[in-house]
Amino acid sequence: MRLKRRSPESQLRLLRVQKNLWEKNLWELLDRRRAIDPDGRIEEVYRKVKPETHAAEILADLPDL
């Protein structure tokens, strides 16, 4: 089976798309806040965090951890 040759412009476009997808996935992973118990296990993951309400949300969840 022969591989299709791509032009340099097409290769560059493909690399940019791959880089953007990688960056998007990385930022989605880093943008989550986690509550970790004393044993080091992740107990709660907060995906959408608002600075105004996040502290109250964690304090409300502490008894359940």
Protein backbone atom coordinates (compact mmCIF):
# COMPACT_ATOMS: atom_id res chain seq x y z
CA MET A 1 0.00 0.00 0.00
CA ARG A 2 1.38 3.37 -0.98
CA LEU A 3 1.17 6.28 1.37
CA LYS A 4 -0.21 9.49 0.01
CA ARG A 5 2.37 12.23 -0.21
CA ARG A 6 1.37 15.48 1.37
CA SER A 7 2.53 18.91 0.45
CA PRO A 8 4.55 20.83 3.05
CA GLU A 9 1.59 23.18 3.54
CA SER A 10 -0.72 20.24 4.20
CA GLN A 11 1.75 18.72 6.67
CA LEU A 12 2.07 22.03 8.48
CA ARG A 13 -1.71 22.38 8.68
CA LEU A 14 -1.99 18.84 10.11
CA LEU A 15 0.70 19.57 12.71
CA ARG A 16 -1.10 22.75 13.78
CA VAL A 17 -4.37 20.88 14.22
CA GLN A 18 -2.65 18.16 16.27
CA LYS A 19 -0.88 20.78 18.42
CA ASN A 20 -4.14 22.66 19.05
CA LEU A 21 -5.93 19.46 20.05
CA TRP A 22 -3.09 18.51 22.40
CA GLU A 23 -3.10 21.96 24.02
CA LYS A 24 -6.88 21.89 24.40
CA ASN A 25 -6.76 18.49 26.11
CA LEU A 26 -3.92 19.60 28.37
CA TRP A 27 -5.74 22.76 29.47
CA GLU A 28 -8.94 20.80 30.11
CA LEU A 29 -6.97 18.46 32.34
CA LEU A 30 -5.16 21.26 34.19
CA ASP A 31 -8.31 23.35 34.60
CA ARG A 32 -9.85 20.95 37.11
CA ARG A 33 -9.62 21.38 40.86
CA ARG A 34 -9.37 18.32 43.07
CA ALA A 35 -10.13 17.54 46.68
CA ILE A 36 -7.64 14.96 48.00
CA ASP A 37 -8.17 12.96 51.19
CA PRO A 38 -5.40 12.38 53.79
CA ASP A 39 -4.51 9.05 52.13
CA GLY A 40 -3.78 10.83 48.85
CA ARG A 41 -6.86 9.63 46.95
CA ILE A 42 -8.83 12.04 44.79
CA GLU A 43 -12.23 12.35 46.41
CA GLU A 44 -13.87 15.10 44.39
CA VAL A 45 -13.15 16.77 41.05
CA TYR A 46 -14.48 20.26 40.42
CA ARG A 47 -14.63 21.01 36.70
CA LYS A 48 -16.22 24.44 36.46
CA VAL A 49 -14.94 26.62 39.28
CA LYS A 50 -16.04 30.14 40.09
CA PRO A 51 -13.69 31.98 42.46
CA GLU A 52 -16.60 33.64 44.26
CA THR A 53 -18.22 30.35 45.33
CA HIS A 54 -15.46 27.73 45.22
CA ALA A 55 -14.30 28.09 48.83
CA ALA A 56 -17.85 27.69 50.14
CA GLU A 57 -18.35 24.66 47.89
CA ILE A 58 -15.23 22.96 49.28
CA LEU A 59 -16.18 23.74 52.86
CA ALA A 60 -19.63 22.27 52.25
CA ASP A 61 -18.07 19.08 50.84
CA LEU A 62 -15.53 18.59 53.67
CA PRO A 63 -17.81 16.56 55.98
CA ASP A 64 -18.44 14.08 53.14
CA LEU A 65 -14.74 13.54 52.48
